C-alpha atoms as a PDB file:
ATOM      1  CA  MET A   1     -14.494   1.739 -29.984  1.00  0.00           C
ATOM      2  CA  SER A   2     -11.984   1.150 -27.188  1.00  0.00           C
ATOM      3  CA  ARG A   3     -12.587   2.563 -23.737  1.00  0.00           C
ATOM      4  CA  HIS A   4      -9.957   4.082 -21.387  1.00  0.00           C
ATOM      5  CA  ARG A   5      -9.928   2.190 -18.117  1.00  0.00           C
ATOM      6  CA  LEU A   6      -8.536   3.472 -14.817  1.00  0.00           C
ATOM      7  CA  PRO A   7      -5.842   1.420 -13.163  1.00  0.00           C
ATOM      8  CA  PRO A   8      -7.370  -0.905 -10.549  1.00  0.00           C
ATOM      9  CA  LEU A   9      -5.525   0.724  -7.571  1.00  0.00           C
ATOM     10  CA  LEU A  10      -6.592   4.256  -8.493  1.00  0.00           C
ATOM     11  CA  ALA A  11     -10.150   3.143  -9.036  1.00  0.00           C
ATOM     12  CA  ALA A  12     -10.212   1.468  -5.630  1.00  0.00           C
ATOM     13  CA  LEU A  13      -8.927   4.616  -3.913  1.00  0.00           C
ATOM     14  CA  LEU A  14     -11.564   6.804  -5.573  1.00  0.00           C
ATOM     15  CA  LEU A  15     -14.345   4.392  -4.696  1.00  0.00           C
ATOM     16  CA  GLY A  16     -13.126   4.172  -1.095  1.00  0.00           C
ATOM     17  CA  ALA A  17     -13.068   7.936  -0.699  1.00  0.00           C
ATOM     18  CA  CYS A  18     -16.548   8.271  -2.094  1.00  0.00           C
ATOM     19  CA  GLY A  19     -17.817   5.494   0.111  1.00  0.00           C
ATOM     20  CA  ARG A  20     -16.479   7.056   3.274  1.00  0.00           C
ATOM     21  CA  GLY A  21     -18.170  10.349   2.498  1.00  0.00           C
ATOM     22  CA  GLU A  22     -15.404  12.446   4.131  1.00  0.00           C
ATOM     23  CA  PRO A  23     -16.397  16.092   4.591  1.00  0.00           C
ATOM     24  CA  PRO A  24     -14.456  18.696   2.642  1.00  0.00           C
ATOM     25  CA  PRO A  25     -11.717  20.498   4.571  1.00  0.00           C
ATOM     26  CA  ALA A  26     -12.694  23.655   6.470  1.00  0.00           C
ATOM     27  CA  PRO A  27     -12.332  26.827   4.398  1.00  0.00           C
ATOM     28  CA  ALA A  28      -9.156  28.821   4.953  1.00  0.00           C
ATOM     29  CA  TRP A  29      -9.192  32.616   5.166  1.00  0.00           C
ATOM     30  CA  ALA A  30      -6.208  34.769   4.394  1.00  0.00           C
ATOM     31  CA  GLY A  31      -4.950  37.124   7.054  1.00  0.00           C
ATOM     32  CA  TYR A  32      -1.915  38.333   8.945  1.00  0.00           C
ATOM     33  CA  ALA A  33      -0.672  38.820  12.479  1.00  0.00           C
ATOM     34  CA  GLU A  34      -1.044  42.208  14.119  1.00  0.00           C
ATOM     35  CA  GLY A  35      -0.134  43.673  17.493  1.00  0.00           C
ATOM     36  CA  ASP A  36      -1.372  46.621  19.544  1.00  0.00           C
ATOM     37  CA  ALA A  37       1.926  47.943  20.877  1.00  0.00           C
ATOM     38  CA  LEU A  38       2.232  50.145  23.948  1.00  0.00           C
ATOM     39  CA  TYR A  39       4.170  53.333  23.218  1.00  0.00           C
ATOM     40  CA  LEU A  40       5.868  54.163  26.505  1.00  0.00           C
ATOM     41  CA  ALA A  41       6.783  57.764  27.263  1.00  0.00           C
ATOM     42  CA  ALA A  42       7.512  59.972  30.252  1.00  0.00           C
ATOM     43  CA  PRO A  43       5.102  62.834  31.012  1.00  0.00           C
ATOM     44  CA  VAL A  44       8.093  65.100  31.615  1.00  0.00           C
ATOM     45  CA  ALA A  45      10.776  66.288  29.194  1.00  0.00           C
ATOM     46  CA  GLY A  46      14.443  65.513  29.590  1.00  0.00           C
ATOM     47  CA  ARG A  47      17.577  63.928  28.174  1.00  0.00           C
ATOM     48  CA  VAL A  48      17.697  60.128  28.118  1.00  0.00           C
ATOM     49  CA  ALA A  49      20.194  59.117  30.795  1.00  0.00           C
ATOM     50  CA  GLU A  50      19.671  55.342  30.904  1.00  0.00           C
ATOM     51  CA  LEU A  51      18.225  52.761  28.520  1.00  0.00           C
ATOM     52  CA  THR A  52      18.168  49.330  30.128  1.00  0.00           C
ATOM     53  CA  VAL A  53      16.535  47.339  27.305  1.00  0.00           C
ATOM     54  CA  ARG A  54      17.133  46.704  23.613  1.00  0.00           C
ATOM     55  CA  GLU A  55      14.899  45.845  20.697  1.00  0.00           C
ATOM     56  CA  GLY A  56      13.730  42.261  20.969  1.00  0.00           C
ATOM     57  CA  ASP A  57      14.207  42.007  24.748  1.00  0.00           C
ATOM     58  CA  ALA A  58      11.504  40.267  26.734  1.00  0.00           C
ATOM     59  CA  VAL A  59      10.601  42.269  29.852  1.00  0.00           C
ATOM     60  CA  ARG A  60       8.594  41.426  32.932  1.00  0.00           C
ATOM     61  CA  PRO A  61       6.051  43.697  34.664  1.00  0.00           C
ATOM     62  CA  GLY A  62       7.728  46.440  36.685  1.00  0.00           C
ATOM     63  CA  GLN A  63      11.131  46.024  35.040  1.00  0.00           C
ATOM     64  CA  PRO A  64      13.036  49.330  34.567  1.00  0.00           C
ATOM     65  CA  LEU A  65      13.040  50.489  30.943  1.00  0.00           C
ATOM     66  CA  PHE A  66      14.619  53.944  30.734  1.00  0.00           C
ATOM     67  CA  ALA A  67      15.410  57.008  32.842  1.00  0.00           C
ATOM     68  CA  LEU A  68      15.716  60.716  32.091  1.00  0.00           C
ATOM     69  CA  GLU A  69      18.106  63.192  33.688  1.00  0.00           C
ATOM     70  CA  ALA A  70      16.470  64.470  36.866  1.00  0.00           C
ATOM     71  CA  THR A  71      18.732  67.234  38.209  1.00  0.00           C
ATOM     72  CA  LEU A  72      16.031  69.914  38.014  1.00  0.00           C
ATOM     73  CA  GLU A  73      13.392  67.581  39.430  1.00  0.00           C
ATOM     74  CA  ARG A  74      15.581  66.740  42.454  1.00  0.00           C
ATOM     75  CA  ALA A  75      16.255  70.433  43.106  1.00  0.00           C
ATOM     76  CA  ALA A  76      12.539  71.224  42.822  1.00  0.00           C
ATOM     77  CA  LEU A  77      11.761  68.403  45.237  1.00  0.00           C
ATOM     78  CA  ALA A  78      14.253  69.733  47.809  1.00  0.00           C
ATOM     79  CA  GLU A  79      12.750  73.223  47.503  1.00  0.00           C
ATOM     80  CA  ALA A  80       9.234  71.851  47.896  1.00  0.00           C
ATOM     81  CA  GLU A  81      10.276  69.917  51.014  1.00  0.00           C
ATOM     82  CA  ALA A  82      11.739  73.087  52.559  1.00  0.00           C
ATOM     83  CA  ARG A  83       8.574  75.058  51.776  1.00  0.00           C
ATOM     84  CA  ARG A  84       6.456  72.286  53.251  1.00  0.00           C
ATOM     85  CA  ASP A  85       8.476  72.257  56.467  1.00  0.00           C
ATOM     86  CA  SER A  86       8.358  76.067  56.738  1.00  0.00           C
ATOM     87  CA  ALA A  87       4.574  76.158  56.288  1.00  0.00           C
ATOM     88  CA  ARG A  88       4.099  73.311  58.765  1.00  0.00           C
ATOM     89  CA  PHE A  89       6.207  75.012  61.430  1.00  0.00           C
ATOM     90  CA  GLN A  90       4.318  78.272  60.924  1.00  0.00           C
ATOM     91  CA  ALA A  91       1.017  76.438  61.300  1.00  0.00           C
ATOM     92  CA  GLU A  92       2.235  74.791  64.507  1.00  0.00           C
ATOM     93  CA  ASP A  93       3.454  78.149  65.813  1.00  0.00           C
ATOM     94  CA  THR A  94      -0.032  79.653  65.529  1.00  0.00           C
ATOM     95  CA  ASP A  95      -1.271  77.048  68.029  1.00  0.00           C
ATOM     96  CA  LYS A  96       1.187  78.230  70.679  1.00  0.00           C
ATOM     97  CA  GLY A  97       1.450  81.299  72.912  1.00  0.00           C
ATOM     98  CA  ARG A  98       4.473  83.572  73.338  1.00  0.00           C
ATOM     99  CA  ARG A  99       7.825  82.130  74.322  1.00  0.00           C
ATOM    100  CA  ARG A 100       8.688  81.601  77.964  1.00  0.00           C
ATOM    101  CA  GLU A 101      11.303  84.349  77.889  1.00  0.00           C
ATOM    102  CA  GLU A 102       8.788  86.833  76.480  1.00  0.00           C
ATOM    103  CA  LEU A 103       6.270  85.858  79.147  1.00  0.00           C
ATOM    104  CA  ALA A 104       8.942  86.386  81.808  1.00  0.00           C
ATOM    105  CA  ILE A 105       9.386  90.015  80.690  1.00  0.00           C
ATOM    106  CA  THR A 106       5.672  90.709  80.922  1.00  0.00           C
ATOM    107  CA  GLN A 107       5.481  88.989  84.305  1.00  0.00           C
ATOM    108  CA  ALA A 108       8.326  91.164  85.630  1.00  0.00           C
ATOM    109  CA  GLN A 109       6.583  94.289  84.364  1.00  0.00           C
ATOM    110  CA  LEU A 110       3.378  93.124  86.044  1.00  0.00           C
ATOM    111  CA  ARG A 111       5.117  92.629  89.398  1.00  0.00           C
ATOM    112  CA  GLN A 112       6.648  96.094  89.128  1.00  0.00           C
ATOM    113  CA  ALA A 113       3.238  97.602  88.343  1.00  0.00           C
ATOM    114  CA  GLN A 114       1.678  95.764  91.292  1.00  0.00           C
ATOM    115  CA  SER A 115       4.345  97.162  93.601  1.00  0.00           C
ATOM    116  CA  GLN A 116       3.725 100.688  92.319  1.00  0.00           C
ATOM    117  CA  ALA A 117      -0.013 100.166  92.782  1.00  0.00           C
ATOM    118  CA  ALA A 118       0.560  99.060  96.371  1.00  0.00           C
ATOM    119  CA  LEU A 119       2.639 102.189  97.089  1.00  0.00           C
ATOM    120  CA  ALA A 120       0.019 104.378  95.467  1.00  0.00           C
ATOM    121  CA  ARG A 121      -2.718 102.807  97.610  1.00  0.00           C
ATOM    122  CA  ALA A 122      -0.707 103.317 100.807  1.00  0.00           C
ATOM    123  CA  ASP A 123      -0.004 106.962  99.881  1.00  0.00           C
ATOM    124  CA  TRP A 124      -3.700 107.552  99.141  1.00  0.00           C
ATOM    125  CA  GLN A 125      -4.706 106.110 102.526  1.00  0.00           C
ATOM    126  CA  ARG A 126      -2.116 108.287 104.343  1.00  0.00           C
ATOM    127  CA  GLN A 127      -3.213 111.421 102.547  1.00  0.00           C
ATOM    128  CA  HIS A 128      -6.823 110.632 103.332  1.00  0.00           C
ATOM    129  CA  GLU A 129      -6.028 110.289 107.051  1.00  0.00           C
ATOM    130  CA  LEU A 130      -4.103 113.555 107.055  1.00  0.00           C
ATOM    131  CA  LEU A 131      -7.056 115.246 105.342  1.00  0.00           C
ATOM    132  CA  GLY A 132      -9.288 114.093 108.183  1.00  0.00           C
ATOM    133  CA  GLN A 133      -6.889 115.609 110.693  1.00  0.00           C
ATOM    134  CA  GLY A 134      -6.710 118.828 108.700  1.00  0.00           C
ATOM    135  CA  PHE A 135      -3.020 118.646 107.932  1.00  0.00           C
ATOM    136  CA  VAL A 136      -3.301 118.496 104.084  1.00  0.00           C
ATOM    137  CA  ALA A 137      -5.487 120.080 101.513  1.00  0.00           C
ATOM    138  CA  ARG A 138      -8.129 118.223  99.542  1.00  0.00           C
ATOM    139  CA  ALA A 139      -6.037 118.563  96.398  1.00  0.00           C
ATOM    140  CA  ARG A 140      -3.317 116.319  97.880  1.00  0.00           C
ATOM    141  CA  VAL A 141      -5.872 113.543  98.407  1.00  0.00           C
ATOM    142  CA  ASP A 142      -7.171 113.910  94.848  1.00  0.00           C
ATOM    143  CA  ASP A 143      -3.626 113.654  93.451  1.00  0.00           C
ATOM    144  CA  ALA A 144      -3.004 110.463  95.463  1.00  0.00           C
ATOM    145  CA  ALA A 145      -6.275 108.965  94.234  1.00  0.00           C
ATOM    146  CA  LEU A 146      -5.303 109.727  90.629  1.00  0.00           C
ATOM    147  CA  GLN A 147      -1.919 108.071  91.096  1.00  0.00           C
ATOM    148  CA  LEU A 148      -3.651 105.004  92.550  1.00  0.00           C
ATOM    149  CA  ARG A 149      -6.054 104.693  89.608  1.00  0.00           C
ATOM    150  CA  GLN A 150      -3.209 104.973  87.112  1.00  0.00           C
ATOM    151  CA  ALA A 151      -1.187 102.300  88.934  1.00  0.00           C
ATOM    152  CA  GLU A 152      -4.185  99.938  89.080  1.00  0.00           C
ATOM    153  CA  ALA A 153      -4.870 100.515  85.348  1.00  0.00           C
ATOM    154  CA  ARG A 154      -1.268  99.623  84.576  1.00  0.00           C
ATOM    155  CA  VAL A 155      -1.655  96.402  86.558  1.00  0.00           C
ATOM    156  CA  GLY A 156      -4.831  95.530  84.629  1.00  0.00           C
ATOM    157  CA  GLU A 157      -3.093  96.278  81.319  1.00  0.00           C
ATOM    158  CA  LEU A 158      -0.186  93.962  82.055  1.00  0.00           C
ATOM    159  CA  GLU A 159      -2.479  91.201  83.369  1.00  0.00           C
ATOM    160  CA  ALA A 160      -4.443  91.328  80.105  1.00  0.00           C
ATOM    161  CA  ALA A 161      -1.203  91.344  78.074  1.00  0.00           C
ATOM    162  CA  LEU A 162       0.060  88.293  79.965  1.00  0.00           C
ATOM    163  CA  ALA A 163      -3.199  86.398  79.421  1.00  0.00           C
ATOM    164  CA  SER A 164      -3.159  87.294  75.704  1.00  0.00           C
ATOM    165  CA  ALA A 165       0.456  86.164  75.349  1.00  0.00           C
ATOM    166  CA  ARG A 166      -0.511  82.701  76.579  1.00  0.00           C
ATOM    167  CA  LEU A 167      -3.252  82.335  73.913  1.00  0.00           C
ATOM    168  CA  PRO A 168      -2.713  80.863  70.415  1.00  0.00           C
ATOM    169  CA  ALA A 169      -3.301  82.931  67.282  1.00  0.00           C
ATOM    170  CA  ARG A 170      -6.818  83.813  66.192  1.00  0.00           C
ATOM    171  CA  ALA A 171      -8.898  81.069  64.588  1.00  0.00           C
ATOM    172  CA  ASP A 172      -8.740  82.647  61.133  1.00  0.00           C
ATOM    173  CA  GLU A 173      -4.956  82.906  61.304  1.00  0.00           C
ATOM    174  CA  ARG A 174      -4.661  79.266  62.353  1.00  0.00           C
ATOM    175  CA  LEU A 175      -6.914  78.159  59.487  1.00  0.00           C
ATOM    176  CA  ALA A 176      -4.909  80.222  57.000  1.00  0.00           C
ATOM    177  CA  ALA A 177      -1.639  78.751  58.249  1.00  0.00           C
ATOM    178  CA  ARG A 178      -2.998  75.208  57.966  1.00  0.00           C
ATOM    179  CA  ALA A 179      -4.232  75.924  54.445  1.00  0.00           C
ATOM    180  CA  GLN A 180      -0.766  77.141  53.466  1.00  0.00           C
ATOM    181  CA  ALA A 181       0.756  73.996  54.953  1.00  0.00           C
ATOM    182  CA  ALA A 182      -1.677  71.844  52.957  1.00  0.00           C
ATOM    183  CA  ALA A 183      -0.831  73.751  49.765  1.00  0.00           C
ATOM    184  CA  ALA A 184       2.875  73.236  50.408  1.00  0.00           C
ATOM    185  CA  SER A 185       2.285  69.511  50.917  1.00  0.00           C
ATOM    186  CA  GLY A 186       0.431  69.385  47.599  1.00  0.00           C
ATOM    187  CA  ALA A 187       3.303  71.122  45.827  1.00  0.00           C
ATOM    188  CA  LEU A 188       5.693  68.602  47.390  1.00  0.00           C
ATOM    189  CA  ALA A 189       3.567  65.724  46.101  1.00  0.00           C
ATOM    190  CA  GLN A 190       3.692  67.195  42.600  1.00  0.00           C
ATOM    191  CA  SER A 191       7.476  67.523  42.707  1.00  0.00           C
ATOM    192  CA  ASP A 192       7.808  63.991  44.028  1.00  0.00           C
ATOM    193  CA  TRP A 193       5.573  62.704  41.221  1.00  0.00           C
ATOM    194  CA  ARG A 194       7.586  64.536  38.552  1.00  0.00           C
ATOM    195  CA  LEU A 195      10.813  63.055  39.892  1.00  0.00           C
ATOM    196  CA  ALA A 196       9.314  59.562  39.883  1.00  0.00           C
ATOM    197  CA  GLN A 197       8.149  59.989  36.276  1.00  0.00           C
ATOM    198  CA  THR A 198      11.717  60.428  35.062  1.00  0.00           C
ATOM    199  CA  ARG A 199      12.116  56.660  35.550  1.00  0.00           C
ATOM    200  CA  GLN A 200       9.717  54.458  33.619  1.00  0.00           C
ATOM    201  CA  ARG A 201       8.999  50.785  34.225  1.00  0.00           C
ATOM    202  CA  ALA A 202       7.157  48.189  32.167  1.00  0.00           C
ATOM    203  CA  PRO A 203       3.408  48.385  32.919  1.00  0.00           C
ATOM    204  CA  GLN A 204       3.101  44.721  31.897  1.00  0.00           C
ATOM    205  CA  GLY A 205       5.197  41.956  30.453  1.00  0.00           C
ATOM    206  CA  GLY A 206       5.977  41.841  26.760  1.00  0.00           C
ATOM    207  CA  ARG A 207       8.682  42.255  24.155  1.00  0.00           C
ATOM    208  CA  VAL A 208      10.391  45.494  23.107  1.00  0.00           C
ATOM    209  CA  THR A 209       9.672  45.986  19.407  1.00  0.00           C
ATOM    210  CA  ASP A 210      11.141  49.451  18.777  1.00  0.00           C
ATOM    211  CA  VAL A 211      13.484  51.905  20.507  1.00  0.00           C
ATOM    212  CA  PHE A 212      13.069  55.475  19.270  1.00  0.00           C
ATOM    213  CA  TYR A 213      15.575  57.385  21.458  1.00  0.00           C
ATOM    214  CA  ARG A 214      19.024  56.558  22.739  1.00  0.00           C
ATOM    215  CA  PRO A 215      20.991  57.835  25.784  1.00  0.00           C
ATOM    216  CA  GLY A 216      22.027  61.448  25.292  1.00  0.00           C
ATOM    217  CA  GLU A 217      19.051  62.390  23.116  1.00  0.00           C
ATOM    218  CA  TRP A 218      16.453  64.929  24.261  1.00  0.00           C
ATOM    219  CA  VAL A 219      12.865  63.724  24.582  1.00  0.00           C
ATOM    220  CA  ASN A 220       9.826  65.972  24.819  1.00  0.00           C
ATOM    221  CA  ALA A 221       7.127  65.252  27.359  1.00  0.00           C
ATOM    222  CA  GLY A 222       4.814  62.526  26.107  1.00  0.00           C
ATOM    223  CA  GLN A 223       7.153  61.477  23.268  1.00  0.00           C
ATOM    224  CA  PRO A 224       7.454  57.642  23.159  1.00  0.00           C
ATOM    225  CA  VAL A 225      10.926  56.336  23.895  1.00  0.00           C
ATOM    226  CA  LEU A 226      10.163  52.704  23.057  1.00  0.00           C
ATOM    227  CA  ALA A 227       7.352  50.379  22.007  1.00  0.00           C
ATOM    228  CA  LEU A 228       6.358  47.327  24.030  1.00  0.00           C
ATOM    229  CA  LEU A 229       4.198  44.529  22.621  1.00  0.00           C
ATOM    230  CA  PRO A 230       2.493  42.408  25.308  1.00  0.00           C
ATOM    231  CA  ALA A 231       1.604  38.841  24.424  1.00  0.00           C
ATOM    232  CA  ALA A 232      -2.063  39.555  25.034  1.00  0.00           C
ATOM    233  CA  ALA A 233      -1.928  42.352  22.439  1.00  0.00           C
ATOM    234  CA  ARG A 234      -0.979  39.989  19.591  1.00  0.00           C
ATOM    235  CA  LYS A 235      -3.831  38.858  17.388  1.00  0.00           C
ATOM    236  CA  ALA A 236      -4.743  37.449  14.008  1.00  0.00           C
ATOM    237  CA  LEU A 237      -6.550  39.686  11.563  1.00  0.00           C
ATOM    238  CA  PHE A 238      -8.290  37.934   8.660  1.00  0.00           C
ATOM    239  CA  PHE A 239     -11.055  38.640   6.170  1.00  0.00           C
ATOM    240  CA  VAL A 240     -14.143  36.503   5.643  1.00  0.00           C
ATOM    241  CA  PRO A 241     -16.479  36.725   2.619  1.00  0.00           C
ATOM    242  CA  ALA A 242     -20.010  37.821   3.397  1.00  0.00           C
ATOM    243  CA  ALA A 243     -21.397  34.437   2.360  1.00  0.00           C
ATOM    244  CA  GLU A 244     -19.346  32.687   5.063  1.00  0.00           C
ATOM    245  CA  LEU A 245     -19.854  35.241   7.821  1.00  0.00           C
ATOM    246  CA  GLY A 246     -23.018  33.599   9.178  1.00  0.00           C
ATOM    247  CA  GLY A 247     -21.027  30.632  10.417  1.00  0.00           C
ATOM    248  CA  LEU A 248     -18.857  32.761  12.704  1.00  0.00           C
ATOM    249  CA  ALA A 249     -19.575  34.127  16.174  1.00  0.00           C
ATOM    250  CA  LEU A 250     -17.670  35.904  18.923  1.00  0.00           C
ATOM    251  CA  GLY A 251     -15.760  33.448  21.068  1.00  0.00           C
ATOM    252  CA  GLN A 252     -15.745  30.796  18.368  1.00  0.00           C
ATOM    253  CA  PRO A 253     -12.468  28.828  18.169  1.00  0.00           C
ATOM    254  CA  VAL A 254     -10.265  29.051  15.090  1.00  0.00           C
ATOM    255  CA  ARG A 255      -6.882  27.618  14.140  1.00  0.00           C
ATOM    256  CA  LEU A 256      -4.024  29.787  12.915  1.00  0.00           C
ATOM    257  CA  SER A 257      -1.333  28.479  10.616  1.00  0.00           C
ATOM    258  CA  CYS A 258       1.734  30.168   9.214  1.00  0.00           C
ATOM    259  CA  ASP A 259       5.104  29.308   7.745  1.00  0.00           C
ATOM    260  CA  GLY A 260       7.568  28.533  10.485  1.00  0.00           C
ATOM    261  CA  CYS A 261       4.949  28.597  13.276  1.00  0.00           C
ATOM    262  CA  GLY A 262       4.949  24.850  13.818  1.00  0.00           C
ATOM    263  CA  ALA A 263       1.676  23.369  15.056  1.00  0.00           C
ATOM    264  CA  ALA A 264      -1.546  25.247  14.492  1.00  0.00           C
ATOM    265  CA  ILE A 265      -2.310  27.916  17.104  1.00  0.00           C
ATOM    266  CA  ALA A 266      -5.646  27.749  18.898  1.00  0.00           C
ATOM    267  CA  ALA A 267      -7.403  31.112  19.025  1.00  0.00           C
ATOM    268  CA  ARG A 268     -10.866  32.556  19.530  1.00  0.00           C
ATOM    269  CA  ILE A 269     -12.685  35.228  17.593  1.00  0.00           C
ATOM    270  CA  SER A 270     -12.646  38.474  19.552  1.00  0.00           C
ATOM    271  CA  HIS A 271     -14.104  40.923  17.024  1.00  0.00           C
ATOM    272  CA  ILE A 272     -16.256  40.863  13.894  1.00  0.00           C
ATOM    273  CA  ALA A 273     -16.614  44.058  11.866  1.00  0.00           C
ATOM    274  CA  SER A 274     -20.118  45.419  11.469  1.00  0.00           C
ATOM    275  CA  GLN A 275     -19.486  46.725   7.948  1.00  0.00           C
ATOM    276  CA  ALA A 276     -18.042  45.105   4.837  1.00  0.00           C
ATOM    277  CA  GLU A 277     -14.974  46.342   2.993  1.00  0.00           C
ATOM    278  CA  PHE A 278     -12.992  45.475  -0.100  1.00  0.00           C
ATOM    279  CA  THR A 279     -10.229  42.938   0.214  1.00  0.00           C
ATOM    280  CA  PRO A 280      -7.157  44.806   1.525  1.00  0.00           C
ATOM    281  CA  PRO A 281      -4.160  44.950  -0.847  1.00  0.00           C
ATOM    282  CA  VAL A 282      -1.993  43.091   1.674  1.00  0.00           C
ATOM    283  CA  ILE A 283      -3.869  39.885   0.788  1.00  0.00           C
ATOM    284  CA  TYR A 284      -4.832  40.960  -2.730  1.00  0.00           C
ATOM    285  CA  SER A 285      -5.576  38.280  -5.295  1.00  0.00           C
ATOM    286  CA  ASN A 286      -7.305  38.344  -8.655  1.00  0.00           C
ATOM    287  CA  ALA A 287      -9.987  36.005  -7.375  1.00  0.00           C
ATOM    288  CA  GLN A 288     -10.795  38.182  -4.348  1.00  0.00           C
ATOM    289  CA  ARG A 289     -10.393  41.738  -5.564  1.00  0.00           C
ATOM    290  CA  ALA A 290     -14.072  42.225  -6.418  1.00  0.00           C
ATOM    291  CA  ARG A 291     -15.467  40.533  -3.329  1.00  0.00           C
ATOM    292  CA  LEU A 292     -16.588  42.278  -0.184  1.00  0.00           C
ATOM    293  CA  VAL A 293     -15.242  40.818   3.032  1.00  0.00           C
ATOM    294  CA  PHE A 294     -15.627  41.410   6.750  1.00  0.00           C
ATOM    295  CA  ARG A 295     -12.675  42.110   9.011  1.00  0.00           C
ATOM    296  CA  VAL A 296     -12.427  39.553  11.854  1.00  0.00           C
ATOM    297  CA  GLU A 297      -9.959  39.401  14.733  1.00  0.00           C
ATOM    298  CA  ALA A 298      -8.941  36.385  16.801  1.00  0.00           C
ATOM    299  CA  ARG A 299      -6.667  36.204  19.819  1.00  0.00           C
ATOM    300  CA  PRO A 300      -4.603  33.141  20.820  1.00  0.00           C
ATOM    301  CA  GLU A 301      -5.903  31.291  23.839  1.00  0.00           C
ATOM    302  CA  ARG A 302      -2.470  30.876  25.454  1.00  0.00           C
ATOM    303  CA  PRO A 303       0.175  33.601  25.921  1.00  0.00           C
ATOM    304  CA  GLU A 304       2.959  31.246  24.872  1.00  0.00           C
ATOM    305  CA  ASP A 305       1.186  30.707  21.555  1.00  0.00           C
ATOM    306  CA  ALA A 306       0.783  34.445  21.088  1.00  0.00           C
ATOM    307  CA  GLU A 307       4.572  34.799  21.244  1.00  0.00           C
ATOM    308  CA  ARG A 308       4.735  32.769  18.033  1.00  0.00           C
ATOM    309  CA  LEU A 309       2.870  35.459  16.123  1.00  0.00           C
ATOM    310  CA  HIS A 310       4.872  38.313  14.620  1.00  0.00           C
ATOM    311  CA  PRO A 311       3.129  41.462  13.349  1.00  0.00           C
ATOM    312  CA  GLY A 312       2.850  41.431   9.557  1.00  0.00           C
ATOM    313  CA  GLN A 313       3.266  37.675   9.302  1.00  0.00           C
ATOM    314  CA  PRO A 314       0.841  36.081   6.766  1.00  0.00           C
ATOM    315  CA  LEU A 315      -1.606  33.615   8.287  1.00  0.00           C
ATOM    316  CA  ASP A 316      -4.102  31.007   7.198  1.00  0.00           C
ATOM    317  CA  VAL A 317      -7.156  30.819   9.462  1.00  0.00           C
ATOM    318  CA  ARG A 318      -9.557  27.923   9.642  1.00  0.00           C
ATOM    319  CA  ALA A 319     -12.661  27.483  11.740  1.00  0.00           C
ATOM    320  CA  GLY A 320     -12.320  25.189  14.710  1.00  0.00           C
ATOM    321  CA  VAL A 321     -14.864  23.130  16.623  1.00  0.00           C
ATOM    322  CA  LYS A 322     -17.304  25.180  18.672  1.00  0.00           C
ATOM    323  CA  SER A 323     -17.000  24.560  22.378  1.00  0.00           C
END
C-alpha cells in the first residue's frame, strides 16, 4: 500500500514549529468602544442666543460653548444691585446721628430756652427782694418761681433732645438694618449667578458629539444643549467567559485592536462586573449565545490613544503583559 508523504519543505516547517514550542496566541475577546458623554445644560431657561461649537469640534477646558438670552437676568441683576445699595445706605444711616442742619435747629431752640430761663431767674430774684421789702404779695413771688421752673425744664428738654440727636439708632434697629443689607447682598449674588449661568463653558476638554438645540430655540432649565465626550471618558467594553475571568485583575494591561485604528492601543482594566450575564446581542454569535460572560471595562493609558476610539466601534481585546 502506498503512503502519502508531505513535501519536504512543509514537513520541515511543521517540525520547526513544534521544536520551538511557541505558545498559542493570547485569547481575543469581543467588545466595542463606549463613552460616558457629558450632557451640558444651563440651570436656567431661555432661548439659545449663541452656539459657538459644532458636532465633531474638539474643545479645550473653559472654552465657550453656548449662551442663552439674558435680558431678564440683566434686569434682575440691576434691580438687585439697587436694593443692595439701598439696604446698605440705610444700615449706614442707623450708625449716624441727626444731620448738622437738624442739630442746628435744636441748638438754636436750646439757646432761646436758656435765655428765657435766665430772664425767669432774674425776675424771680427781683420779686423775692421786693417781697422782703413788702412791696409785692407772696403770690407774685410764687408766679415768678413757677415761670423759672418751666424755663429750666424747657432747657433740660432741649439738652436731652440735642444729646439724643447725636446718638445712632438703637442697637436692635442697627442689627435689623444690617440683616436687611446682608439679605440684599445675598439676593444680588443669586441674580449674578443666574446671569452667569446663561453662558456655559466646557468643564473639561473633549469632543462635541451631539448638538440638541440651535440658536433661536427655547431650552428649559436643565435640558442638555449639547453632549461633550472627554478623552478620559472613552473606554473599551468587552465580555470575558467565566472560565477565563480568573486570569484578569483590575489594573491589568490589555491591547485593543479595531479596523482602521492602526497600531494596537494599550489600555488597563478599570472595572470587572461582579455578576455574570448572557452574551449581549451586539456581539452575538452562535458559538457564544449559550455562554455566560462577565462585563469588563478597560481605559486607554494615553489620552491621544483614547481619541482613536469611537463609541459603538467593534473591538478585539487581548491580554497584555502584567506590569
